[in-house]
N, C-alpha and C. Protein backbone atom coordinates (compact mmCIF):
# COMPACT_ATOMS: atom_id res chain seq x y z
N MET A 1 25.85 -48.57 40.64
CA MET A 1 25.44 -48.67 39.25
C MET A 1 24.55 -49.67 39.13
N CYS A 2 23.46 -49.53 38.40
CA CYS A 2 22.18 -50.53 38.27
C CYS A 2 22.97 -51.61 37.45
N VAL A 3 22.39 -52.98 37.99
CA VAL A 3 22.68 -53.90 37.07
C VAL A 3 22.38 -53.92 35.67
N CYS A 4 21.10 -53.19 35.36
CA CYS A 4 20.84 -53.38 33.88
C CYS A 4 21.84 -52.47 33.09
N VAL A 5 22.25 -51.14 33.88
CA VAL A 5 22.83 -50.27 33.36
C VAL A 5 24.64 -50.97 32.85
N CYS A 6 25.10 -51.93 34.05
CA CYS A 6 26.45 -52.59 33.72
C CYS A 6 26.06 -53.59 32.60
N VAL A 7 24.87 -54.30 32.57
CA VAL A 7 24.87 -55.34 31.38
C VAL A 7 24.81 -54.40 30.27
N CYS A 8 24.20 -53.38 30.07
CA CYS A 8 24.10 -52.63 28.51
C CYS A 8 25.21 -52.01 28.49
N VAL A 9 26.15 -51.58 29.37
CA VAL A 9 27.34 -51.07 28.81
C VAL A 9 28.29 -51.85 28.41
N ARG A 10 28.14 -53.38 29.31
CA ARG A 10 29.05 -54.37 28.96
C ARG A 10 28.70 -54.71 27.25
N ALA A 11 27.40 -54.97 27.11
CA ALA A 11 26.91 -55.19 25.63
C ALA A 11 27.49 -54.26 24.79
N ALA A 12 27.43 -53.01 25.14
CA ALA A 12 28.04 -52.03 24.14
C ALA A 12 29.21 -51.99 23.87
N LYS A 13 30.09 -52.15 25.00
CA LYS A 13 31.60 -52.45 24.79
C LYS A 13 31.91 -53.62 24.01
N ASP A 14 31.22 -54.63 24.38
CA ASP A 14 31.48 -55.96 23.34
C ASP A 14 31.25 -55.67 21.77
N MET A 15 30.12 -55.06 21.69
CA MET A 15 30.10 -54.84 20.03
C MET A 15 30.83 -53.88 19.59
N VAL A 16 31.27 -52.96 20.41
CA VAL A 16 32.23 -51.90 19.66
C VAL A 16 33.58 -52.66 19.52
N ARG A 17 34.03 -53.37 20.47
CA ARG A 17 35.29 -54.03 20.37
C ARG A 17 35.24 -54.92 18.78
N LYS A 18 34.23 -55.72 18.87
CA LYS A 18 33.91 -56.69 17.59
C LYS A 18 34.01 -55.89 16.32
N LEU A 19 33.41 -54.59 16.53
CA LEU A 19 33.25 -53.73 15.04
C LEU A 19 34.99 -53.03 14.75
N LEU A 20 35.50 -52.74 15.60
CA LEU A 20 36.64 -52.25 15.65
C LEU A 20 37.95 -53.31 15.45
N VAL A 21 37.49 -54.37 15.03
CA VAL A 21 38.61 -55.39 14.73
C VAL A 21 39.20 -54.98 13.42
N VAL A 22 40.47 -55.22 13.30
CA VAL A 22 41.53 -54.44 12.11
C VAL A 22 41.15 -55.59 10.87
N ASP A 23 41.33 -56.65 11.16
CA ASP A 23 41.13 -57.81 10.33
C ASP A 23 39.72 -57.63 9.92
N PRO A 24 39.42 -57.52 8.56
CA PRO A 24 38.04 -57.88 7.92
C PRO A 24 37.46 -58.99 8.18
N THR A 25 38.05 -59.98 8.04
CA THR A 25 37.72 -61.43 8.02
C THR A 25 37.44 -61.91 9.40
N LYS A 26 37.99 -61.13 10.31
CA LYS A 26 37.50 -61.44 11.76
C LYS A 26 36.59 -60.43 12.57
N ARG A 27 36.17 -59.40 11.72
CA ARG A 27 35.25 -58.05 12.26
C ARG A 27 33.86 -58.82 12.07
N MET A 28 33.10 -58.22 13.09
CA MET A 28 31.84 -58.42 12.94
C MET A 28 31.02 -57.90 11.67
N SER A 29 30.16 -58.66 11.05
CA SER A 29 29.59 -58.22 10.23
C SER A 29 28.35 -56.99 10.28
N ILE A 30 27.82 -56.65 9.48
CA ILE A 30 26.59 -55.75 9.65
C ILE A 30 25.35 -56.73 10.12
N GLN A 31 25.23 -57.75 9.37
CA GLN A 31 24.16 -58.68 9.98
C GLN A 31 24.58 -59.10 11.47
N GLU A 32 25.59 -59.54 11.66
CA GLU A 32 25.99 -60.08 13.33
C GLU A 32 25.66 -58.61 13.95
N ALA A 33 25.90 -57.43 13.73
CA ALA A 33 25.87 -56.09 14.64
C ALA A 33 24.54 -55.79 14.85
N LEU A 34 23.51 -56.08 13.63
CA LEU A 34 22.20 -55.88 13.87
C LEU A 34 21.50 -56.96 14.89
N GLN A 35 22.09 -58.16 14.87
CA GLN A 35 21.43 -59.05 15.89
C GLN A 35 21.97 -59.30 17.17
N HIS A 36 23.00 -58.16 17.52
CA HIS A 36 23.75 -58.16 18.77
C HIS A 36 22.84 -57.79 19.93
N THR A 37 22.93 -58.38 21.09
CA THR A 37 22.19 -58.26 22.00
C THR A 37 21.97 -56.84 22.29
N TRP A 38 22.90 -55.77 22.41
CA TRP A 38 23.06 -54.55 22.70
C TRP A 38 22.06 -53.84 21.73
N LEU A 39 21.87 -54.22 20.51
CA LEU A 39 20.74 -53.66 19.49
C LEU A 39 19.40 -54.26 19.66
N GLN A 40 19.27 -55.23 20.66
CA GLN A 40 18.37 -56.01 20.67
C GLN A 40 17.44 -55.47 22.01
N ASP A 41 18.28 -54.81 22.78
CA ASP A 41 17.59 -54.80 24.13
C ASP A 41 16.63 -53.38 24.24
N PRO A 42 15.40 -53.70 24.65
CA PRO A 42 14.40 -52.74 24.51
C PRO A 42 14.84 -51.41 25.08
N ALA A 43 15.48 -51.07 26.37
CA ALA A 43 15.58 -50.10 26.74
C ALA A 43 16.63 -49.10 25.96
N MET A 44 17.55 -49.83 25.55
CA MET A 44 18.42 -49.18 24.43
C MET A 44 17.70 -48.66 23.35
N LEU A 45 16.64 -49.40 22.54
CA LEU A 45 16.05 -49.25 21.44
C LEU A 45 15.26 -48.08 21.66
N GLU A 46 14.44 -48.11 22.72
CA GLU A 46 13.67 -46.77 23.23
C GLU A 46 14.39 -45.49 23.24
N GLU A 47 15.55 -45.71 24.10
CA GLU A 47 16.44 -44.47 24.01
C GLU A 47 16.85 -43.77 22.85
N ALA A 48 17.35 -44.98 21.76
CA ALA A 48 17.73 -44.43 20.59
C ALA A 48 16.89 -43.90 19.61
N GLN A 49 15.51 -44.47 19.87
CA GLN A 49 14.60 -43.76 18.98
C GLN A 49 14.05 -42.49 19.52
N ALA A 50 14.34 -42.13 20.86
CA ALA A 50 14.18 -40.75 21.63
C ALA A 50 15.25 -39.80 21.33
N LEU A 51 16.36 -40.33 21.06
CA LEU A 51 17.63 -39.49 20.66
C LEU A 51 17.26 -39.00 19.04
N MET A 52 16.86 -40.06 18.30
CA MET A 52 16.94 -40.05 16.82
C MET A 52 15.79 -39.12 16.32
N TYR A 53 14.78 -39.45 16.90
CA TYR A 53 13.37 -38.87 16.67
C TYR A 53 12.73 -38.12 17.58
N PRO A 54 13.27 -36.86 18.31
CA PRO A 54 12.82 -36.29 19.39
C PRO A 54 11.27 -35.73 19.05
N ALA A 55 10.77 -35.56 20.04
CA ALA A 55 9.14 -35.12 19.71
C ALA A 55 9.49 -33.75 19.78
N PRO A 56 8.56 -33.04 18.48
CA PRO A 56 8.58 -31.70 18.08
C PRO A 56 8.11 -30.82 19.58
N ILE A 57 8.89 -29.67 19.65
CA ILE A 57 8.49 -28.46 20.83
C ILE A 57 7.28 -27.84 19.85
N SER A 58 6.34 -27.82 20.76
CA SER A 58 5.30 -27.00 20.27
C SER A 58 5.23 -25.73 20.87
N THR A 59 5.60 -24.69 20.02
CA THR A 59 5.74 -22.98 20.50
C THR A 59 4.50 -22.44 20.05
N GLY A 60 3.81 -22.96 19.17
CA GLY A 60 2.43 -22.26 18.57
C GLY A 60 2.97 -21.43 17.40
N ALA A 61 4.21 -21.38 17.16
CA ALA A 61 4.38 -20.54 15.93
C ALA A 61 4.57 -21.34 14.81
N GLU A 62 4.76 -20.62 13.59
CA GLU A 62 4.92 -21.41 12.63
C GLU A 62 6.24 -22.02 12.38
N PRO A 63 6.72 -23.04 11.73
CA PRO A 63 7.96 -23.71 11.69
C PRO A 63 9.01 -22.80 10.75
N ALA A 64 10.22 -22.54 11.28
CA ALA A 64 11.01 -21.89 10.88
C ALA A 64 11.14 -22.16 9.27
N SER A 65 11.14 -23.56 8.78
CA SER A 65 11.45 -24.05 7.46
C SER A 65 10.44 -23.56 6.68
N SER A 66 9.28 -23.28 6.98
CA SER A 66 8.02 -22.76 6.18
C SER A 66 8.49 -21.48 5.81
N ARG A 67 9.09 -20.74 6.40
CA ARG A 67 9.31 -19.30 6.41
C ARG A 67 10.52 -18.84 5.44
N LYS A 68 11.49 -19.83 5.22
CA LYS A 68 12.53 -19.62 4.55
C LYS A 68 12.15 -19.58 3.09
N ARG A 69 12.95 -18.87 2.26
CA ARG A 69 12.89 -18.87 0.78
C ARG A 69 13.56 -19.78 0.25
N ARG A 70 13.21 -20.24 -0.74
CA ARG A 70 13.85 -21.28 -1.68
C ARG A 70 15.37 -20.64 -2.19
N ARG A 71 16.32 -21.35 -2.31
CA ARG A 71 17.51 -20.99 -2.92
C ARG A 71 17.43 -20.22 -4.33
N GLU A 72 16.63 -20.81 -5.18
CA GLU A 72 16.40 -20.43 -6.60
C GLU A 72 15.79 -18.98 -6.47
N ASP A 73 14.89 -18.53 -5.50
CA ASP A 73 14.31 -17.37 -5.25
C ASP A 73 15.38 -16.19 -4.86
N HIS A 74 16.00 -16.62 -3.92
CA HIS A 74 16.95 -15.70 -3.11
C HIS A 74 18.33 -15.48 -4.43
N GLU A 75 18.74 -16.74 -5.06
CA GLU A 75 19.67 -16.38 -6.35
C GLU A 75 19.12 -15.60 -7.35
N GLY A 76 17.71 -15.57 -7.52
CA GLY A 76 17.44 -14.55 -8.72
C GLY A 76 17.37 -12.97 -8.16
N GLU A 77 16.79 -13.08 -6.83
CA GLU A 77 17.20 -11.64 -6.19
C GLU A 77 18.59 -11.27 -6.41
N ARG A 78 19.70 -11.81 -5.90
CA ARG A 78 20.90 -11.55 -6.04
C ARG A 78 21.38 -11.21 -7.24
N ALA A 79 21.16 -11.65 -8.34
CA ALA A 79 21.64 -11.73 -9.57
C ALA A 79 20.98 -10.44 -10.17
N ALA A 80 19.53 -10.11 -9.72
CA ALA A 80 19.06 -8.94 -10.10
C ALA A 80 19.43 -7.58 -9.23
N LYS A 81 20.04 -7.64 -8.26
CA LYS A 81 21.14 -6.61 -7.48
C LYS A 81 22.13 -6.43 -8.09
N GLN A 82 22.64 -7.47 -8.76
CA GLN A 82 24.19 -7.37 -9.19
C GLN A 82 24.13 -6.87 -10.73
N ALA A 83 23.07 -7.00 -11.26
CA ALA A 83 22.90 -6.48 -12.83
C ALA A 83 23.23 -5.05 -12.87
N PRO A 84 23.94 -4.68 -13.73
CA PRO A 84 24.11 -3.07 -14.03
C PRO A 84 22.70 -2.52 -14.41
N PRO A 85 22.39 -1.13 -13.93
CA PRO A 85 21.03 -0.53 -14.40
C PRO A 85 21.01 -0.42 -15.75
N THR A 86 20.03 -0.72 -16.48
CA THR A 86 19.74 -0.45 -17.79
C THR A 86 19.41 1.27 -18.07
N PRO A 87 20.10 1.84 -18.93
CA PRO A 87 19.89 3.15 -19.39
C PRO A 87 18.32 3.68 -19.49
N GLN A 88 17.97 4.61 -19.30
CA GLN A 88 16.72 4.87 -19.88
C GLN A 88 16.60 6.09 -20.96
N PRO A 89 16.20 5.93 -21.93
CA PRO A 89 15.97 6.84 -22.99
C PRO A 89 15.43 8.40 -22.66
């Protein structure tokens, strides 16, 4: 195992242990967590960014979200389908 991976794993375990302390007075605060060496590691930050914000896959097709109907439109159609037919004189 690479030395940098071992250091990163140790730092991650250290942070998790400190966050899982039952006694809130002894538990790591959010400010301390944000300053922890594991969250300051450039390699970890790069990997986290890649996981949280993956690059979009370009297929050339229109995004699925733009083809979806709005919920209001769909509910209006459903209500129209469920309404009883009006009698024609």
